[in-house]
N, C-alpha and C. Protein backbone atom coordinates (compact mmCIF):
# COMPACT_ATOMS: atom_id res chain seq x y z
N MET A 1 155.70 34.43 58.39
CA MET A 1 154.90 35.57 58.79
C MET A 1 153.42 35.27 58.62
N HIS A 2 153.12 34.68 57.47
CA HIS A 2 151.71 34.39 57.16
C HIS A 2 151.07 33.54 58.26
N LEU A 3 151.75 32.46 58.65
CA LEU A 3 151.17 31.57 59.67
C LEU A 3 151.12 32.24 61.04
N SER A 4 152.06 33.10 61.34
CA SER A 4 152.03 33.82 62.61
C SER A 4 150.82 34.75 62.67
N ILE A 5 150.56 35.44 61.58
CA ILE A 5 149.40 36.34 61.53
C ILE A 5 148.10 35.52 61.58
N GLU A 6 148.10 34.38 60.89
CA GLU A 6 146.93 33.48 60.96
C GLU A 6 146.70 33.01 62.40
N ALA A 7 147.77 32.68 63.09
CA ALA A 7 147.64 32.22 64.48
C ALA A 7 147.09 33.32 65.37
N LEU A 8 147.58 34.53 65.21
CA LEU A 8 147.05 35.65 65.99
C LEU A 8 145.55 35.81 65.76
N ARG A 9 145.16 35.78 64.50
CA ARG A 9 143.77 36.03 64.13
C ARG A 9 142.86 34.85 64.50
N ARG A 10 143.23 33.65 64.09
CA ARG A 10 142.33 32.50 64.23
C ARG A 10 142.28 31.93 65.64
N LEU A 11 143.40 32.01 66.35
CA LEU A 11 143.44 31.46 67.71
C LEU A 11 143.17 32.53 68.76
N GLY A 12 143.16 33.79 68.35
CA GLY A 12 142.93 34.88 69.30
C GLY A 12 144.09 35.07 70.25
N LEU A 13 145.30 34.87 69.78
CA LEU A 13 146.49 34.99 70.63
C LEU A 13 146.85 36.46 70.86
N ASP A 14 147.49 36.72 71.97
CA ASP A 14 147.98 38.08 72.26
C ASP A 14 149.27 38.35 71.49
N GLU A 15 150.13 37.35 71.43
CA GLU A 15 151.42 37.47 70.75
C GLU A 15 151.82 36.14 70.16
N VAL A 16 152.75 36.21 69.21
CA VAL A 16 153.43 35.02 68.70
C VAL A 16 154.92 35.25 68.92
N TRP A 17 155.56 34.26 69.50
CA TRP A 17 157.00 34.33 69.71
C TRP A 17 157.69 33.38 68.74
N TRP A 18 158.61 33.90 67.99
CA TRP A 18 159.47 33.06 67.15
C TRP A 18 160.67 32.68 68.01
N LEU A 19 160.83 31.41 68.27
CA LEU A 19 161.96 30.94 69.07
C LEU A 19 163.06 30.47 68.12
N VAL A 20 164.02 31.35 67.89
CA VAL A 20 165.13 31.02 67.00
C VAL A 20 166.12 30.19 67.81
N ALA A 21 166.30 28.96 67.37
CA ALA A 21 167.15 28.02 68.10
C ALA A 21 168.58 28.07 67.59
N ASP A 22 169.50 27.72 68.46
CA ASP A 22 170.91 27.69 68.08
C ASP A 22 171.16 26.61 67.05
N GLN A 23 170.66 25.40 67.31
CA GLN A 23 170.89 24.29 66.40
C GLN A 23 169.79 23.26 66.58
N ASN A 24 169.11 22.93 65.50
CA ASN A 24 168.10 21.87 65.53
C ASN A 24 168.83 20.54 65.68
N PRO A 25 168.55 19.78 66.74
CA PRO A 25 169.25 18.51 66.96
C PRO A 25 169.03 17.48 65.84
N LEU A 26 167.99 17.66 65.04
CA LEU A 26 167.71 16.70 63.96
C LEU A 26 168.28 17.13 62.61
N LYS A 27 168.97 18.27 62.59
CA LYS A 27 169.54 18.75 61.33
C LYS A 27 171.05 18.86 61.47
N PRO A 28 171.77 18.68 60.34
CA PRO A 28 173.23 18.80 60.41
C PRO A 28 173.67 20.24 60.69
N ALA A 29 174.72 20.38 61.48
CA ALA A 29 175.25 21.71 61.81
C ALA A 29 175.98 22.33 60.61
N GLN A 30 176.47 21.47 59.74
CA GLN A 30 177.21 21.97 58.59
C GLN A 30 176.30 22.83 57.71
N GLY A 31 176.77 24.01 57.39
CA GLY A 31 176.00 24.91 56.55
C GLY A 31 174.98 25.75 57.30
N MET A 32 174.86 25.54 58.61
CA MET A 32 173.90 26.31 59.42
C MET A 32 174.44 27.73 59.61
N VAL A 33 173.60 28.70 59.34
CA VAL A 33 173.96 30.09 59.56
C VAL A 33 174.03 30.31 61.07
N PRO A 34 175.02 31.05 61.56
CA PRO A 34 175.13 31.29 63.00
C PRO A 34 173.87 31.93 63.59
N LEU A 35 173.63 31.62 64.86
CA LEU A 35 172.43 32.06 65.56
C LEU A 35 172.22 33.57 65.46
N LEU A 36 173.23 34.36 65.73
CA LEU A 36 173.06 35.81 65.73
C LEU A 36 172.67 36.34 64.36
N ALA A 37 173.18 35.73 63.31
CA ALA A 37 172.82 36.13 61.95
C ALA A 37 171.37 35.76 61.65
N ARG A 38 170.94 34.56 62.10
CA ARG A 38 169.55 34.15 61.89
C ARG A 38 168.59 35.02 62.68
N LEU A 39 168.98 35.40 63.90
CA LEU A 39 168.15 36.31 64.69
C LEU A 39 167.99 37.65 63.99
N ALA A 40 169.09 38.17 63.49
CA ALA A 40 169.04 39.47 62.80
C ALA A 40 168.16 39.39 61.56
N THR A 41 168.27 38.31 60.79
CA THR A 41 167.45 38.14 59.60
C THR A 41 165.98 38.05 59.97
N ALA A 42 165.67 37.25 60.98
CA ALA A 42 164.27 37.10 61.41
C ALA A 42 163.71 38.44 61.91
N ARG A 43 164.50 39.15 62.67
CA ARG A 43 164.03 40.45 63.19
C ARG A 43 163.80 41.45 62.06
N ALA A 44 164.63 41.38 61.04
CA ALA A 44 164.46 42.28 59.89
C ALA A 44 163.19 41.95 59.11
N LEU A 45 162.79 40.68 59.11
CA LEU A 45 161.59 40.25 58.39
C LEU A 45 160.30 40.59 59.12
N VAL A 46 160.35 40.57 60.44
CA VAL A 46 159.14 40.75 61.23
C VAL A 46 158.84 42.24 61.38
N ARG A 47 157.71 42.60 60.86
CA ARG A 47 157.24 43.99 60.96
C ARG A 47 155.82 43.98 61.51
N HIS A 48 155.69 43.36 62.67
CA HIS A 48 154.36 43.25 63.28
C HIS A 48 154.52 43.46 64.78
N PRO A 49 153.71 44.32 65.37
CA PRO A 49 153.89 44.63 66.79
C PRO A 49 153.60 43.48 67.75
N ARG A 50 152.91 42.44 67.28
CA ARG A 50 152.56 41.33 68.17
C ARG A 50 153.33 40.05 67.86
N ILE A 51 154.37 40.18 67.04
CA ILE A 51 155.25 39.03 66.76
C ILE A 51 156.64 39.40 67.24
N ARG A 52 157.16 38.57 68.15
CA ARG A 52 158.48 38.83 68.75
C ARG A 52 159.44 37.74 68.33
N VAL A 53 160.64 38.15 67.99
CA VAL A 53 161.71 37.21 67.62
C VAL A 53 162.65 37.12 68.82
N LEU A 54 162.80 35.89 69.34
CA LEU A 54 163.54 35.69 70.60
C LEU A 54 164.55 34.56 70.49
N ASP A 55 165.58 34.66 71.27
CA ASP A 55 166.57 33.59 71.38
C ASP A 55 166.46 32.94 72.75
N LEU A 56 165.23 32.59 73.11
CA LEU A 56 164.97 32.08 74.46
C LEU A 56 165.69 30.77 74.77
N GLU A 57 165.87 29.91 73.78
CA GLU A 57 166.58 28.66 74.09
C GLU A 57 168.01 28.94 74.53
N ARG A 58 168.66 29.89 73.89
CA ARG A 58 170.02 30.26 74.31
C ARG A 58 169.97 30.85 75.71
N ARG A 59 169.02 31.72 75.95
CA ARG A 59 168.92 32.38 77.26
C ARG A 59 168.53 31.40 78.37
N LEU A 60 167.66 30.44 78.04
CA LEU A 60 167.21 29.46 79.03
C LEU A 60 168.20 28.31 79.19
N GLY A 61 169.10 28.15 78.23
CA GLY A 61 170.05 27.05 78.28
C GLY A 61 169.42 25.72 77.89
N THR A 62 168.41 25.75 77.03
CA THR A 62 167.76 24.52 76.59
C THR A 62 168.11 24.23 75.14
N ARG A 63 167.96 22.98 74.77
CA ARG A 63 168.25 22.56 73.39
C ARG A 63 167.06 21.84 72.77
N PHE A 64 166.31 21.13 73.58
CA PHE A 64 165.20 20.33 73.09
C PHE A 64 163.87 21.01 73.42
N THR A 65 162.91 20.89 72.52
CA THR A 65 161.61 21.54 72.67
C THR A 65 160.96 21.23 73.99
N VAL A 66 160.97 19.99 74.40
CA VAL A 66 160.31 19.61 75.65
C VAL A 66 160.92 20.36 76.84
N ASP A 67 162.23 20.56 76.83
CA ASP A 67 162.88 21.29 77.92
C ASP A 67 162.59 22.78 77.83
N THR A 68 162.52 23.30 76.62
CA THR A 68 162.19 24.71 76.42
C THR A 68 160.79 25.00 76.93
N ILE A 69 159.85 24.14 76.59
CA ILE A 69 158.47 24.33 77.05
C ILE A 69 158.41 24.29 78.57
N ARG A 70 159.07 23.34 79.16
CA ARG A 70 159.07 23.22 80.62
C ARG A 70 159.65 24.50 81.25
N ALA A 71 160.74 25.01 80.71
CA ALA A 71 161.37 26.22 81.24
C ALA A 71 160.48 27.45 81.04
N LEU A 72 159.83 27.56 79.89
CA LEU A 72 158.93 28.69 79.63
C LEU A 72 157.76 28.68 80.61
N LYS A 73 157.17 27.51 80.81
CA LYS A 73 156.03 27.42 81.72
C LYS A 73 156.44 27.73 83.16
N ALA A 74 157.65 27.36 83.55
CA ALA A 74 158.14 27.66 84.90
C ALA A 74 158.42 29.16 85.06
N ARG A 75 158.96 29.77 84.03
CA ARG A 75 159.31 31.20 84.10
C ARG A 75 158.09 32.11 83.97
N PHE A 76 157.15 31.72 83.13
CA PHE A 76 155.96 32.53 82.86
C PHE A 76 154.72 31.77 83.33
N ARG A 77 154.58 31.61 84.61
CA ARG A 77 153.55 30.75 85.20
C ARG A 77 152.12 31.17 84.86
N ARG A 78 151.87 32.42 84.64
CA ARG A 78 150.50 32.89 84.36
C ARG A 78 150.20 32.99 82.87
N THR A 79 151.16 32.67 82.05
CA THR A 79 150.99 32.78 80.60
C THR A 79 150.43 31.47 80.05
N LYS A 80 149.45 31.59 79.17
CA LYS A 80 148.91 30.43 78.47
C LYS A 80 149.66 30.31 77.14
N PHE A 81 150.38 29.23 76.98
CA PHE A 81 151.14 29.01 75.76
C PHE A 81 150.41 28.06 74.82
N VAL A 82 150.58 28.29 73.54
CA VAL A 82 150.13 27.38 72.48
C VAL A 82 151.35 27.16 71.60
N TRP A 83 151.68 25.90 71.35
CA TRP A 83 152.80 25.58 70.46
C TRP A 83 152.30 25.63 69.03
N LEU A 84 152.97 26.39 68.17
CA LEU A 84 152.62 26.50 66.76
C LEU A 84 153.64 25.75 65.94
N MET A 85 153.15 24.97 64.98
CA MET A 85 154.08 24.28 64.09
C MET A 85 153.39 23.92 62.79
N GLY A 86 154.20 23.65 61.79
CA GLY A 86 153.67 23.26 60.50
C GLY A 86 153.41 21.76 60.44
N ALA A 87 152.62 21.37 59.46
CA ALA A 87 152.28 19.95 59.29
C ALA A 87 153.51 19.09 59.08
N ASP A 88 154.57 19.65 58.51
CA ASP A 88 155.80 18.89 58.33
C ASP A 88 156.35 18.42 59.68
N ASN A 89 156.21 19.24 60.70
CA ASN A 89 156.69 18.85 62.03
C ASN A 89 155.79 17.81 62.68
N LEU A 90 154.49 17.84 62.41
CA LEU A 90 153.62 16.78 62.93
C LEU A 90 154.03 15.43 62.36
N SER A 91 154.47 15.44 61.11
CA SER A 91 154.92 14.20 60.48
C SER A 91 156.15 13.61 61.15
N GLN A 92 157.01 14.47 61.69
CA GLN A 92 158.26 13.95 62.24
C GLN A 92 158.47 14.20 63.73
N ILE A 93 157.47 14.75 64.43
CA ILE A 93 157.63 15.04 65.86
C ILE A 93 157.92 13.77 66.67
N ARG A 94 157.52 12.62 66.16
CA ARG A 94 157.79 11.38 66.91
C ARG A 94 159.28 11.10 67.04
N HIS A 95 160.10 11.82 66.31
CA HIS A 95 161.56 11.69 66.43
C HIS A 95 162.13 12.69 67.44
N TRP A 96 161.29 13.59 67.94
CA TRP A 96 161.75 14.58 68.90
C TRP A 96 161.86 13.94 70.28
N ARG A 97 162.75 14.46 71.06
CA ARG A 97 162.93 13.96 72.43
C ARG A 97 161.63 14.13 73.23
N ARG A 98 161.15 13.06 73.83
CA ARG A 98 159.96 13.04 74.70
C ARG A 98 158.77 13.77 74.08
N TRP A 99 158.48 13.44 72.83
CA TRP A 99 157.44 14.13 72.08
C TRP A 99 156.06 14.01 72.72
N ARG A 100 155.77 12.92 73.38
CA ARG A 100 154.46 12.77 74.04
C ARG A 100 154.28 13.80 75.14
N GLU A 101 155.39 14.14 75.81
CA GLU A 101 155.34 15.16 76.87
C GLU A 101 155.01 16.54 76.31
N ILE A 102 155.40 16.79 75.06
CA ILE A 102 155.07 18.07 74.42
C ILE A 102 153.55 18.17 74.28
N PHE A 103 152.93 17.10 73.79
CA PHE A 103 151.47 17.09 73.66
C PHE A 103 150.80 17.21 75.02
N ALA A 104 151.40 16.65 76.05
CA ALA A 104 150.82 16.68 77.39
C ALA A 104 151.06 18.02 78.10
N ALA A 105 151.97 18.83 77.58
CA ALA A 105 152.36 20.06 78.27
C ALA A 105 151.54 21.28 77.90
N LEU A 106 151.09 21.37 76.64
CA LEU A 106 150.38 22.56 76.20
C LEU A 106 149.60 22.29 74.93
N PRO A 107 148.59 23.11 74.63
CA PRO A 107 147.85 22.93 73.38
C PRO A 107 148.76 23.20 72.18
N ILE A 108 148.45 22.53 71.08
CA ILE A 108 149.27 22.64 69.87
C ILE A 108 148.38 22.99 68.68
N ALA A 109 148.82 23.99 67.92
CA ALA A 109 148.14 24.36 66.68
C ALA A 109 149.06 23.97 65.53
N ILE A 110 148.54 23.15 64.64
CA ILE A 110 149.31 22.67 63.49
C ILE A 110 148.72 23.28 62.23
N PHE A 111 149.59 23.89 61.44
CA PHE A 111 149.16 24.56 60.23
C PHE A 111 149.52 23.74 59.00
N ALA A 112 148.58 23.71 58.06
CA ALA A 112 148.80 22.98 56.81
C ALA A 112 150.03 23.53 56.10
N ARG A 113 150.78 22.63 55.50
CA ARG A 113 151.95 22.99 54.69
C ARG A 113 151.86 22.20 53.39
N PRO A 114 152.25 22.80 52.28
CA PRO A 114 152.16 22.08 51.00
C PRO A 114 152.88 20.75 51.06
N THR A 115 152.27 19.74 50.54
CA THR A 115 152.75 18.35 50.38
C THR A 115 152.84 17.55 51.68
N TYR A 116 152.57 18.14 52.84
CA TYR A 116 152.72 17.42 54.11
C TYR A 116 151.41 17.03 54.78
N CYS A 117 150.29 17.59 54.35
CA CYS A 117 149.04 17.44 55.10
C CYS A 117 148.58 16.00 55.27
N ARG A 118 148.52 15.26 54.19
CA ARG A 118 148.06 13.86 54.29
C ARG A 118 149.00 13.03 55.15
N THR A 119 150.30 13.19 54.91
CA THR A 119 151.29 12.45 55.68
C THR A 119 151.19 12.79 57.16
N ALA A 120 151.03 14.08 57.45
CA ALA A 120 150.95 14.51 58.85
C ALA A 120 149.73 13.94 59.55
N LEU A 121 148.60 14.00 58.90
CA LEU A 121 147.36 13.52 59.53
C LEU A 121 147.30 11.99 59.61
N ALA A 122 148.16 11.32 58.87
CA ALA A 122 148.23 9.86 58.94
C ALA A 122 149.37 9.39 59.85
N ALA A 123 150.15 10.31 60.37
CA ALA A 123 151.32 9.96 61.17
C ALA A 123 150.92 9.48 62.58
N LEU A 124 151.84 8.77 63.20
CA LEU A 124 151.64 8.22 64.54
C LEU A 124 151.14 9.26 65.55
N PRO A 125 151.74 10.45 65.66
CA PRO A 125 151.25 11.41 66.66
C PRO A 125 149.79 11.82 66.45
N ALA A 126 149.38 11.99 65.20
CA ALA A 126 147.99 12.35 64.92
C ALA A 126 147.05 11.23 65.36
N HIS A 127 147.46 9.99 65.15
CA HIS A 127 146.63 8.85 65.60
C HIS A 127 146.66 8.71 67.11
N ARG A 128 147.85 8.86 67.69
CA ARG A 128 148.00 8.69 69.13
C ARG A 128 147.13 9.68 69.91
N PHE A 129 147.01 10.92 69.38
CA PHE A 129 146.26 11.96 70.07
C PHE A 129 144.97 12.34 69.33
N ALA A 130 144.45 11.44 68.52
CA ALA A 130 143.27 11.72 67.70
C ALA A 130 142.07 12.17 68.54
N ARG A 131 141.86 11.56 69.68
CA ARG A 131 140.68 11.90 70.48
C ARG A 131 140.81 13.27 71.15
N HIS A 132 141.99 13.88 71.10
CA HIS A 132 142.22 15.19 71.70
C HIS A 132 142.22 16.31 70.66
N ARG A 133 141.92 15.95 69.40
CA ARG A 133 141.93 16.94 68.32
C ARG A 133 140.62 17.74 68.35
N LEU A 134 140.76 19.04 68.30
CA LEU A 134 139.60 19.93 68.24
C LEU A 134 139.26 20.23 66.78
N PRO A 135 137.99 20.47 66.49
CA PRO A 135 137.64 20.87 65.12
C PRO A 135 138.14 22.28 64.84
N ALA A 136 138.39 22.58 63.58
CA ALA A 136 138.91 23.90 63.18
C ALA A 136 138.01 25.03 63.67
N ALA A 137 136.72 24.77 63.72
CA ALA A 137 135.77 25.80 64.17
C ALA A 137 135.98 26.18 65.64
N ALA A 138 136.70 25.36 66.39
CA ALA A 138 136.96 25.62 67.81
C ALA A 138 138.32 26.26 68.04
N ALA A 139 138.91 26.84 67.01
CA ALA A 139 140.27 27.38 67.10
C ALA A 139 140.44 28.36 68.26
N ARG A 140 139.47 29.21 68.48
CA ARG A 140 139.60 30.21 69.56
C ARG A 140 139.53 29.59 70.95
N ARG A 141 139.05 28.37 71.04
CA ARG A 141 139.01 27.66 72.33
C ARG A 141 140.35 27.00 72.66
N LEU A 142 141.20 26.81 71.67
CA LEU A 142 142.44 26.06 71.89
C LEU A 142 143.31 26.64 73.01
N PRO A 143 143.57 27.96 73.05
CA PRO A 143 144.45 28.47 74.13
C PRO A 143 143.95 28.16 75.53
N ASP A 144 142.66 28.01 75.70
CA ASP A 144 142.09 27.71 77.03
C ASP A 144 141.86 26.23 77.26
N SER A 145 142.19 25.42 76.28
CA SER A 145 141.99 23.97 76.40
C SER A 145 143.14 23.35 77.17
N GLY A 146 142.80 22.48 78.07
CA GLY A 146 143.84 21.78 78.80
C GLY A 146 144.49 20.73 77.92
N PRO A 147 145.78 20.60 78.01
CA PRO A 147 146.46 19.58 77.18
C PRO A 147 146.16 18.17 77.68
N PRO A 148 146.24 17.19 76.83
CA PRO A 148 146.58 17.34 75.42
C PRO A 148 145.38 17.86 74.62
N ALA A 149 145.63 18.84 73.79
CA ALA A 149 144.64 19.38 72.87
C ALA A 149 145.39 19.89 71.66
N TRP A 150 144.87 19.59 70.49
CA TRP A 150 145.52 20.08 69.28
C TRP A 150 144.49 20.33 68.20
N ILE A 151 144.91 21.10 67.23
CA ILE A 151 144.02 21.47 66.14
C ILE A 151 144.84 21.51 64.85
N PHE A 152 144.22 21.12 63.76
CA PHE A 152 144.86 21.21 62.45
C PHE A 152 144.14 22.30 61.68
N LEU A 153 144.88 23.33 61.28
CA LEU A 153 144.27 24.48 60.61
C LEU A 153 144.73 24.57 59.16
N TRP A 154 143.75 24.58 58.29
CA TRP A 154 144.01 24.78 56.88
C TRP A 154 144.08 26.28 56.61
N SER A 155 144.94 26.68 55.73
CA SER A 155 145.03 28.08 55.34
C SER A 155 145.58 28.13 53.93
N ILE A 156 145.75 29.32 53.42
CA ILE A 156 146.36 29.46 52.11
C ILE A 156 147.76 28.86 52.20
N LEU A 157 148.06 27.95 51.30
CA LEU A 157 149.35 27.26 51.36
C LEU A 157 150.40 28.04 50.57
N ASP A 158 151.44 28.44 51.28
CA ASP A 158 152.56 29.15 50.66
C ASP A 158 153.57 28.09 50.22
N PRO A 159 153.88 28.03 48.94
CA PRO A 159 154.78 26.98 48.47
C PRO A 159 156.25 27.20 48.83
N HIS A 160 156.61 28.35 49.36
CA HIS A 160 158.01 28.61 49.70
C HIS A 160 158.41 27.82 50.94
N SER A 161 159.61 27.32 50.91
CA SER A 161 160.13 26.61 52.08
C SER A 161 161.25 27.43 52.69
N ALA A 162 161.52 27.20 53.97
CA ALA A 162 162.60 27.90 54.64
C ALA A 162 163.93 27.62 53.94
N THR A 163 164.10 26.39 53.49
CA THR A 163 165.34 26.03 52.78
C THR A 163 165.49 26.87 51.52
N GLN A 164 164.41 27.01 50.74
CA GLN A 164 164.47 27.83 49.53
C GLN A 164 164.78 29.29 49.86
N ILE A 165 164.18 29.81 50.89
CA ILE A 165 164.41 31.20 51.28
C ILE A 165 165.86 31.39 51.69
N ARG A 166 166.40 30.46 52.47
CA ARG A 166 167.80 30.56 52.89
C ARG A 166 168.73 30.50 51.68
N GLN A 167 168.46 29.60 50.76
CA GLN A 167 169.29 29.49 49.56
C GLN A 167 169.23 30.78 48.75
N HIS A 168 168.06 31.39 48.65
CA HIS A 168 167.91 32.64 47.93
C HIS A 168 168.73 33.75 48.60
N ILE A 169 168.64 33.82 49.95
CA ILE A 169 169.39 34.84 50.68
C ILE A 169 170.88 34.63 50.50
N ARG A 170 171.35 33.38 50.61
CA ARG A 170 172.79 33.09 50.41
C ARG A 170 173.22 33.46 49.00
N GLY A 171 172.40 33.14 48.01
CA GLY A 171 172.72 33.46 46.63
C GLY A 171 172.84 34.96 46.41
N ASN A 172 171.97 35.71 47.03
CA ASN A 172 172.03 37.18 46.90
C ASN A 172 173.24 37.77 47.59
N ARG A 173 173.68 37.16 48.68
CA ARG A 173 174.87 37.64 49.36
C ARG A 173 176.12 37.46 48.50
N HIS A 174 176.17 36.31 47.81
CA HIS A 174 177.36 36.02 47.00
C HIS A 174 177.43 36.88 45.75
N THR A 175 176.28 37.36 45.26
CA THR A 175 176.29 38.15 44.03
C THR A 175 176.32 39.64 44.31
N ALA A 176 176.14 40.03 45.55
CA ALA A 176 176.10 41.48 45.88
C ALA A 176 177.49 42.07 45.98
């Protein structure tokens, strides 16, 4: 929530869409909470009129980010999209299918995450697209920047991880 609100404020976005995916291809399916349950949990957490929780990958029939972006841009031709992700994903995006096409498709805003910042900024994608990086002071220009364009935004670092939150939720279910 914190990063979504930061993105709305700092990038001047109209909305933030949370794309709840059926299954991350880079993570094991074992132990994954079913999509409908994750959607319900995310929707219960979001209490902001400009943040929408969507299952667009299921609706679009896509599995990989590059295909989802292509489908979104085809369906919403007049919409300017910005991909939001944490520094942890910048560190490992080179393992994503056709990751260079993601950088070429739309502007990307990367948010600092505890323990990942140095690794992320030293990673291959950050070096590969270094000349396309905008300074933090230009954050409001990012949505109108032609890709490839990306920005690294520092903010208050929340030490909680999604894994910790999921474990906490599962633990509370078992004790209730």
